[in-house]
Amino acid sequence: MRGLHIVATGHYAPKRVITNDDLSKIVETSDEWITERTGMKRRHYCTEEEGNVSMASAAARIALDRAGIDLSEIGSLVVATFSGDYFVPSTACLVQRELGLPDEMICYDLNAACSGFLFGLETVRGLLLQSEKRYALLIGSEVISRKLNMSDRGTCILFGDGAGAVVLELDENRGYTSVMGCRGDDRLIYCNASEDSDKKVHMEGQETYKFAVMKVPKLIKEVVAKAGLNMDQIDRFVCHQANARIIESVAKVLKQPMDKFYMNIQEYGNTSAASVAIALSELWESGMCKEGDKIVLAGFGAGKTWGAVVLDY
């Protein structure tokens, strides 16, 4: 098994910060109401000058600077997103241009909503296995603020903008185990694309919560068992940052202490495909993980998609 080595990470969040108190001036809500139900305190929104390409590029530049690699050795660039600046061209192609990456590489976007970064890891590993180039760049980046109905309390309080990037390479001394799946659904969470639609995010909050608290613990148990490990051998869990109560429920079901579960939802809210990437980048920066640590990354999202991987740090 040739696993993935996280060479370096980077993340970016817009400077415009929206607090719970800010939202209480727009819809009927309060800081206490939002915090109690979601764990969220702040989220970041793009300014008019910012977009998906600029955020993804900013996060990637940080990761590449930290990696200190020869850019000619990057063979693929995948951006996990559902909120690109354009339908076409892809965000990935425009990020390639912004970063001055070589022409001889594969660049495209991947849309699996909040599971996107996990699906991206699986995809990038496959690309690396058949590539002559040593490295790949994976980015999760979302500009969800422009797809929100700010009069819908059930969604406008939840989401924020941001981007996270990782430079990856294959490593025979590191493990990699994955579990991915989908049960096609366009009811729980969706965002229309047709010209006669409102093109805003819609979500059945209670049903989404029930799906997550049921599915995520089973998913993590499955991927850990597939890796030949037990829960106590996992050093860190990084779940999609959708709701603090979901993560707390997952920890309780798995009988694992909350200090093994990284959470930054209080700062960013739900950034969809960027959430696991941003959390992983903050972990990398903090030095909380050491060489050889076992890390579980897990996510779920629209379309009833899900994914989890076990990595060696």
Protein backbone atom coordinates (compact mmCIF):
# COMPACT_ATOMS: atom_id res chain seq x y z
CA MET A 1 0.00 0.00 0.00
CA ARG A 2 1.39 3.38 -1.06
CA GLY A 3 -0.08 5.95 1.27
CA LEU A 4 -0.27 9.73 1.12
CA HIS A 5 2.23 12.05 2.71
CA ILE A 6 0.95 15.52 3.57
CA VAL A 7 3.97 17.56 2.53
CA ALA A 8 2.49 20.92 3.56
CA THR A 9 -0.81 22.70 4.10
CA GLY A 10 -2.23 26.20 3.85
CA HIS A 11 -5.56 27.91 4.39
CA TYR A 12 -7.19 31.27 3.80
CA ALA A 13 -10.31 32.96 5.16
CA PRO A 14 -11.63 36.34 4.01
CA LYS A 15 -11.05 39.26 6.34
CA ARG A 16 -14.75 40.16 6.44
CA VAL A 17 -16.11 38.54 9.61
CA ILE A 18 -19.83 38.03 10.28
CA THR A 19 -20.72 37.41 13.91
CA ASN A 20 -23.88 35.91 15.35
CA ASP A 21 -24.84 39.39 16.53
CA ASP A 22 -24.48 40.65 12.94
CA LEU A 23 -26.91 37.98 11.77
CA SER A 24 -29.37 38.83 14.53
CA LYS A 25 -29.83 42.20 12.82
CA ILE A 26 -30.89 40.45 9.60
CA VAL A 27 -33.03 37.52 10.75
CA GLU A 28 -34.80 36.58 13.96
CA THR A 29 -32.00 34.92 15.89
CA SER A 30 -29.44 35.60 18.61
CA ASP A 31 -25.89 34.75 19.56
CA GLU A 32 -27.16 32.43 22.29
CA TRP A 33 -29.59 30.63 19.94
CA ILE A 34 -26.97 30.00 17.25
CA THR A 35 -24.18 29.04 19.66
CA GLU A 36 -26.35 26.58 21.58
CA ARG A 37 -27.58 24.79 18.45
CA THR A 38 -24.47 24.87 16.25
CA GLY A 39 -21.39 25.93 18.21
CA MET A 40 -20.80 28.70 15.66
CA LYS A 41 -19.77 32.20 16.72
CA ARG A 42 -18.30 33.73 13.56
CA ARG A 43 -17.96 33.03 9.85
CA HIS A 44 -16.03 34.75 7.04
CA TYR A 45 -17.56 36.23 3.87
CA CYS A 46 -15.77 37.23 0.71
CA THR A 47 -15.62 40.90 -0.18
CA GLU A 48 -16.70 42.02 -3.64
CA GLU A 49 -13.08 41.84 -4.79
CA GLU A 50 -12.63 38.23 -3.64
CA GLY A 51 -13.83 34.97 -5.14
CA ASN A 52 -13.24 31.26 -5.26
CA VAL A 53 -10.15 31.54 -7.46
CA SER A 54 -8.49 34.19 -5.30
CA MET A 55 -9.15 32.26 -2.07
CA ALA A 56 -8.05 28.91 -3.49
CA SER A 57 -4.91 30.51 -4.89
CA ALA A 58 -4.09 32.20 -1.58
CA ALA A 59 -4.38 28.93 0.36
CA ALA A 60 -2.35 27.07 -2.27
CA ARG A 61 0.45 29.66 -2.25
CA ILE A 62 0.89 29.18 1.49
CA ALA A 63 1.02 25.39 1.11
CA LEU A 64 3.48 25.58 -1.79
CA ASP A 65 5.73 28.06 0.00
CA ARG A 66 5.83 25.77 3.01
CA ALA A 67 6.49 22.71 0.86
CA GLY A 68 9.43 24.35 -0.89
CA ILE A 69 9.09 22.06 -3.89
CA ASP A 70 9.89 22.46 -7.58
CA LEU A 71 6.59 23.45 -9.21
CA SER A 72 7.50 21.48 -12.34
CA GLU A 73 7.08 18.33 -10.23
CA ILE A 74 3.33 18.95 -9.69
CA GLY A 75 1.34 16.69 -11.99
CA SER A 76 -2.25 17.39 -10.93
CA LEU A 77 -4.41 20.06 -9.33
CA VAL A 78 -7.91 19.23 -8.07
CA VAL A 79 -10.25 21.76 -6.48
CA ALA A 80 -13.18 20.44 -4.44
CA THR A 81 -15.98 23.00 -4.70
CA PHE A 82 -19.62 23.53 -5.65
CA SER A 83 -19.33 27.33 -5.72
CA GLY A 84 -16.89 28.16 -8.49
CA ASP A 85 -16.73 31.66 -9.91
CA TYR A 86 -17.75 30.17 -13.27
CA PHE A 87 -19.51 27.04 -14.51
CA VAL A 88 -16.61 26.92 -16.97
CA PRO A 89 -13.67 27.34 -16.89
CA SER A 90 -12.99 25.32 -13.75
CA THR A 91 -11.60 26.93 -10.63
CA ALA A 92 -8.62 24.56 -10.88
CA CYS A 93 -7.61 25.81 -14.34
CA LEU A 94 -7.71 29.43 -13.18
CA VAL A 95 -5.75 28.61 -10.03
CA GLN A 96 -3.14 26.94 -12.25
CA ARG A 97 -2.77 30.21 -14.14
CA GLU A 98 -2.65 32.30 -10.96
CA LEU A 99 0.09 30.14 -9.46
CA GLY A 100 2.13 29.88 -12.66
CA LEU A 101 2.02 26.09 -12.62
CA PRO A 102 3.26 24.09 -15.61
CA ASP A 103 1.03 23.38 -18.61
CA GLU A 104 1.72 19.65 -18.52
CA MET A 105 -0.69 18.78 -15.73
CA ILE A 106 -4.26 17.72 -15.03
CA CYS A 107 -6.53 20.43 -13.59
CA TYR A 108 -10.22 20.09 -12.81
CA ASP A 109 -12.94 20.69 -10.20
CA LEU A 110 -14.68 18.02 -8.17
CA ASN A 111 -18.15 18.50 -6.69
CA ALA A 112 -19.17 16.23 -3.83
CA ALA A 113 -20.39 19.12 -1.65
CA CYS A 114 -19.16 18.80 1.95
CA SER A 115 -17.57 15.42 1.20
CA GLY A 116 -15.53 17.01 -1.58
CA PHE A 117 -12.15 17.15 0.15
CA LEU A 118 -12.40 13.46 1.12
CA PHE A 119 -13.38 12.48 -2.42
CA GLY A 120 -10.50 14.67 -3.55
CA LEU A 121 -7.98 12.71 -1.50
CA GLU A 122 -9.15 9.48 -3.12
CA THR A 123 -9.01 11.07 -6.56
CA VAL A 124 -5.59 12.66 -6.14
CA ARG A 125 -4.09 9.44 -4.84
CA GLY A 126 -5.31 7.71 -7.99
CA LEU A 127 -3.77 10.43 -10.13
CA LEU A 128 -0.45 10.18 -8.30
CA LEU A 129 -0.35 6.40 -8.78
CA GLN A 130 -0.27 6.83 -12.56
CA SER A 131 1.66 10.10 -12.75
CA GLU A 132 5.30 10.63 -13.68
CA LYS A 133 5.28 13.71 -11.43
CA ARG A 134 5.99 13.48 -7.72
CA TYR A 135 3.40 15.88 -6.27
CA ALA A 136 -0.27 16.81 -6.43
CA LEU A 137 -2.13 19.84 -5.12
CA LEU A 138 -5.59 19.40 -3.58
CA ILE A 139 -7.72 22.40 -2.58
CA GLY A 140 -11.11 22.69 -0.92
CA SER A 141 -12.58 26.13 -1.55
CA GLU A 142 -16.09 27.55 -1.21
CA VAL A 143 -17.81 30.93 -1.58
CA ILE A 144 -21.15 29.97 -0.05
CA SER A 145 -22.10 33.45 1.15
CA ARG A 146 -23.21 34.33 -2.39
CA LYS A 147 -25.56 31.36 -2.46
CA LEU A 148 -27.40 32.10 0.77
CA ASN A 149 -30.93 33.37 1.26
CA MET A 150 -30.27 35.83 4.08
CA SER A 151 -33.92 35.70 5.15
CA ASP A 152 -33.76 31.94 5.74
CA ARG A 153 -32.64 31.46 9.34
CA GLY A 154 -32.20 27.74 8.82
CA THR A 155 -29.31 28.21 6.38
CA CYS A 156 -27.91 31.76 6.52
CA ILE A 157 -26.50 31.26 10.03
CA LEU A 158 -24.60 28.09 9.13
CA PHE A 159 -22.26 28.76 6.24
CA GLY A 160 -19.09 30.70 5.58
CA ASP A 161 -16.38 31.12 2.95
CA GLY A 162 -12.83 29.80 3.03
CA ALA A 163 -10.19 27.62 1.40
CA GLY A 164 -7.69 24.99 2.47
CA ALA A 165 -4.91 23.38 0.41
CA VAL A 166 -2.56 20.43 0.77
CA VAL A 167 0.51 19.37 -1.17
CA LEU A 168 0.58 15.57 -1.40
CA GLU A 169 2.95 12.84 -2.49
CA LEU A 170 2.92 9.04 -2.36
CA ASP A 171 4.84 7.40 0.46
CA GLU A 172 5.37 3.66 0.86
CA ASN A 173 6.03 4.13 4.58
CA ARG A 174 2.63 5.68 5.23
CA GLY A 175 -0.73 3.95 5.23
CA TYR A 176 -3.91 4.99 3.49
CA THR A 177 -7.36 3.48 4.01
CA SER A 178 -10.60 4.89 2.68
CA VAL A 179 -14.35 4.33 2.69
CA MET A 180 -16.50 6.37 0.30
CA GLY A 181 -20.17 6.22 -0.62
CA CYS A 182 -23.29 7.95 -1.88
CA ARG A 183 -27.05 7.44 -1.73
CA GLY A 184 -28.29 9.89 -4.37
CA ASP A 185 -30.58 12.51 -2.86
CA ASP A 186 -31.66 15.98 -3.99
CA ARG A 187 -33.97 16.80 -1.08
CA LEU A 188 -31.95 17.18 2.12
CA ILE A 189 -29.47 19.77 0.82
CA TYR A 190 -29.53 21.34 -2.62
CA CYS A 191 -28.66 24.44 -4.57
CA ASN A 192 -30.45 24.96 -7.87
CA ALA A 193 -28.64 25.84 -11.08
CA SER A 194 -31.46 26.42 -13.58
CA GLU A 195 -32.22 29.94 -14.78
CA ASP A 196 -35.75 29.89 -13.34
CA SER A 197 -34.63 28.93 -9.83
CA ASP A 198 -33.48 31.06 -6.90
CA LYS A 199 -30.02 29.40 -6.95
CA LYS A 200 -29.80 29.50 -3.15
CA VAL A 201 -28.84 26.80 -0.66
CA HIS A 202 -31.78 24.87 0.77
CA MET A 203 -31.53 22.37 3.60
CA GLU A 204 -33.79 20.17 5.68
CA GLY A 205 -31.93 20.80 8.92
CA GLN A 206 -33.43 18.16 11.19
CA GLU A 207 -33.18 15.38 8.60
CA THR A 208 -29.60 16.34 7.77
CA TYR A 209 -28.70 16.24 11.46
CA LYS A 210 -30.27 12.80 11.87
CA PHE A 211 -28.42 11.47 8.83
CA ALA A 212 -25.10 12.80 10.10
CA VAL A 213 -25.30 11.49 13.67
CA MET A 214 -26.31 8.07 12.35
CA LYS A 215 -23.88 7.81 9.43
CA VAL A 216 -20.63 9.39 10.61
CA PRO A 217 -19.92 7.09 13.60
CA LYS A 218 -20.62 4.02 11.45
CA LEU A 219 -18.38 5.43 8.73
CA ILE A 220 -15.50 6.03 11.12
CA LYS A 221 -15.88 2.60 12.70
CA GLU A 222 -15.79 1.04 9.23
CA VAL A 223 -12.68 2.85 8.01
CA VAL A 224 -10.77 2.28 11.27
CA ALA A 225 -11.58 -1.44 11.20
CA LYS A 226 -10.61 -1.62 7.52
CA ALA A 227 -7.24 -0.11 8.46
CA GLY A 228 -6.75 -2.90 11.02
CA LEU A 229 -6.86 -0.47 13.94
CA ASN A 230 -9.03 0.25 16.95
CA MET A 231 -10.34 3.62 18.11
CA ASP A 232 -7.79 4.02 20.86
CA GLN A 233 -5.01 3.85 18.25
CA ILE A 234 -6.36 6.93 16.48
CA ASP A 235 -4.58 10.08 17.66
CA ARG A 236 -6.81 12.67 16.03
CA PHE A 237 -10.24 12.88 14.40
CA VAL A 238 -10.99 15.68 11.93
CA CYS A 239 -14.67 15.69 11.00
CA HIS A 240 -16.49 17.96 8.58
CA GLN A 241 -17.33 21.10 10.54
CA ALA A 242 -21.09 21.17 10.09
CA ASN A 243 -22.33 21.38 13.67
CA ALA A 244 -20.59 21.08 17.04
CA ARG A 245 -23.41 18.92 18.37
CA ILE A 246 -22.87 16.42 15.55
CA ILE A 247 -19.17 16.11 16.39
CA GLU A 248 -19.94 15.77 20.10
CA SER A 249 -22.46 13.02 19.28
CA VAL A 250 -19.88 11.20 17.14
CA ALA A 251 -17.33 11.31 19.97
CA LYS A 252 -19.91 9.96 22.42
CA VAL A 253 -20.92 7.06 20.17
CA LEU A 254 -17.28 6.17 19.52
CA LYS A 255 -16.49 6.50 23.25
CA GLN A 256 -13.58 8.80 22.49
CA PRO A 257 -12.61 11.98 24.37
CA MET A 258 -13.52 15.27 22.79
CA ASP A 259 -9.92 16.45 22.96
CA LYS A 260 -9.13 14.03 20.12
CA PHE A 261 -11.67 15.81 17.87
CA TYR A 262 -10.42 19.02 16.29
CA MET A 263 -13.05 21.77 16.04
CA ASN A 264 -12.85 25.23 14.53
CA ILE A 265 -16.54 25.61 13.72
CA GLN A 266 -16.78 28.53 16.15
CA GLU A 267 -14.58 30.59 13.82
CA TYR A 268 -15.57 29.54 10.30
CA GLY A 269 -19.01 27.93 10.41
CA ASN A 270 -19.67 25.32 7.73
CA THR A 271 -17.36 25.89 4.76
CA SER A 272 -18.45 22.71 2.93
CA ALA A 273 -15.55 21.19 0.93
CA ALA A 274 -13.10 23.58 2.59
CA SER A 275 -13.89 22.63 6.19
CA VAL A 276 -11.74 19.50 6.60
CA ALA A 277 -8.95 21.15 4.58
CA ILE A 278 -8.91 24.25 6.80
CA ALA A 279 -9.00 22.15 9.98
CA LEU A 280 -6.16 19.97 8.70
CA SER A 281 -4.12 23.08 7.90
CA GLU A 282 -4.68 24.53 11.36
CA LEU A 283 -3.63 21.21 12.90
CA TRP A 284 -0.48 21.23 10.77
CA GLU A 285 0.33 24.79 11.88
CA SER A 286 -0.34 24.11 15.55
CA GLY A 287 2.06 21.22 15.87
CA MET A 288 -0.63 19.19 17.64
CA CYS A 289 0.20 16.16 15.50
CA LYS A 290 3.57 14.43 15.37
CA GLU A 291 5.25 12.12 12.88
CA GLY A 292 3.50 8.74 12.79
CA ASP A 293 0.20 9.86 14.33
CA LYS A 294 -2.92 8.15 12.99
CA ILE A 295 -5.51 10.64 11.76
CA VAL A 296 -9.10 10.01 10.67
CA LEU A 297 -10.69 12.53 8.30
CA ALA A 298 -14.45 12.18 7.82
CA GLY A 299 -17.12 14.08 5.94
CA PHE A 300 -20.70 13.96 4.69
CA GLY A 301 -22.69 16.20 2.44
CA ALA A 302 -25.33 16.95 -0.16
CA GLY A 303 -26.37 14.10 -2.39
CA LYS A 304 -26.03 11.99 0.74
CA THR A 305 -22.33 11.59 0.05
CA TRP A 306 -19.87 10.40 2.66
CA GLY A 307 -16.19 9.64 2.93
CA ALA A 308 -13.51 8.86 5.50
CA VAL A 309 -9.80 8.11 5.35
CA VAL A 310 -7.15 6.99 7.82
CA LEU A 311 -3.79 8.65 7.23
CA ASP A 312 -0.36 8.45 8.83
CA TYR A 313 0.75 11.96 9.68
